[in-house]
Amino acid sequence: MSTVNFSVPEDVKRAFHAAFAGQNKSAVITALMREAVERRAREARHQAAVEAILAEHTSSAAALPRVTEAQFREAREHGRP
């Protein structure tokens, strides 16, 4: 097991000790660090998924036929009763 030293504001230290009184502070810090690592990994997976979706959308949109404004106007006017 390794030791890690962090500097935190005094008010955070007091609040932490009050919130986790009677508990193993090292175990609490370890659990919080694990949660932070998992959150960061989840955020990275989320970002990668968003980028993949956007890339797929961009490549799909590029393959669609382009309609000019004149063609669109003609289709709109032609379709009216």
Protein backbone atom coordinates (compact mmCIF):
# COMPACT_ATOMS: atom_id res chain seq x y z
CA MET A 1 0.00 0.00 0.00
CA SER A 2 1.29 3.48 -0.77
CA THR A 3 0.90 6.81 0.97
CA VAL A 4 -0.46 9.91 -0.76
CA ASN A 5 -0.27 13.42 0.64
CA PHE A 6 -2.73 16.14 -0.43
CA SER A 7 -3.17 19.70 0.70
CA VAL A 8 -6.79 20.70 1.21
CA PRO A 9 -8.43 23.81 2.61
CA GLU A 10 -8.96 23.68 6.37
CA ASP A 11 -12.75 23.97 6.06
CA VAL A 12 -12.83 20.92 3.76
CA LYS A 13 -10.70 18.97 6.24
CA ARG A 14 -13.03 19.85 9.13
CA ALA A 15 -16.14 19.00 7.11
CA PHE A 16 -14.62 15.69 6.00
CA HIS A 17 -13.71 14.70 9.55
CA ALA A 18 -17.20 15.66 10.77
CA ALA A 19 -18.96 13.79 7.95
CA PHE A 20 -16.91 10.63 8.37
CA ALA A 21 -16.38 10.64 12.13
CA GLY A 22 -15.70 7.19 13.51
CA GLN A 23 -14.84 5.76 10.11
CA ASN A 24 -11.53 4.66 8.68
CA LYS A 25 -10.50 7.82 6.83
CA SER A 26 -8.06 5.94 4.58
CA ALA A 27 -10.83 3.57 3.48
CA VAL A 28 -13.18 6.50 2.81
CA ILE A 29 -10.54 8.34 0.75
CA THR A 30 -9.78 5.13 -1.18
CA ALA A 31 -13.48 4.66 -2.01
CA LEU A 32 -13.81 8.29 -3.08
CA MET A 33 -10.71 8.02 -5.30
CA ARG A 34 -12.08 4.82 -6.89
CA GLU A 35 -15.37 6.58 -7.61
CA ALA A 36 -13.50 9.50 -9.20
CA VAL A 37 -11.45 7.15 -11.40
CA GLU A 38 -14.61 5.29 -12.48
CA ARG A 39 -16.38 8.58 -13.19
CA ARG A 40 -13.49 9.77 -15.36
CA ALA A 41 -13.48 6.47 -17.30
CA ARG A 42 -17.26 6.70 -17.77
CA GLU A 43 -16.93 10.27 -19.04
CA ALA A 44 -14.22 9.17 -21.49
CA ARG A 45 -16.44 6.34 -22.79
CA HIS A 46 -19.34 8.75 -23.12
CA GLN A 47 -17.22 11.25 -25.06
CA ALA A 48 -15.94 8.50 -27.37
CA ALA A 49 -19.51 7.33 -28.02
CA VAL A 50 -20.66 10.87 -28.81
CA GLU A 51 -17.75 11.37 -31.19
CA ALA A 52 -18.50 8.04 -32.92
CA ILE A 53 -22.17 9.00 -33.35
CA LEU A 54 -21.26 12.41 -34.73
CA ALA A 55 -18.73 10.88 -37.11
CA GLU A 56 -21.33 8.38 -38.34
CA HIS A 57 -23.87 11.17 -38.76
CA THR A 58 -21.39 13.30 -40.67
CA SER A 59 -20.39 10.49 -43.03
CA SER A 60 -24.06 9.50 -43.55
CA ALA A 61 -25.09 13.09 -44.22
CA ALA A 62 -22.30 13.50 -46.75
CA ALA A 63 -23.66 10.54 -48.74
CA LEU A 64 -27.16 12.05 -49.01
CA PRO A 65 -28.10 13.77 -52.25
CA ARG A 66 -28.05 17.56 -52.06
CA VAL A 67 -31.20 19.51 -52.91
CA THR A 68 -30.86 23.05 -54.13
CA GLU A 69 -33.11 25.79 -52.82
CA ALA A 70 -34.76 26.03 -56.23
CA GLN A 71 -35.48 22.28 -56.27
CA PHE A 72 -36.88 22.48 -52.77
CA ARG A 73 -39.11 25.47 -53.66
CA GLU A 74 -40.36 23.73 -56.80
CA ALA A 75 -41.20 20.54 -54.87
CA ARG A 76 -42.99 22.56 -52.20
CA GLU A 77 -45.03 24.58 -54.69
CA HIS A 78 -45.74 21.55 -56.87
CA GLY A 79 -47.08 19.59 -53.92
CA ARG A 80 -49.57 22.29 -52.86
CA PRO A 81 -53.25 21.88 -53.82
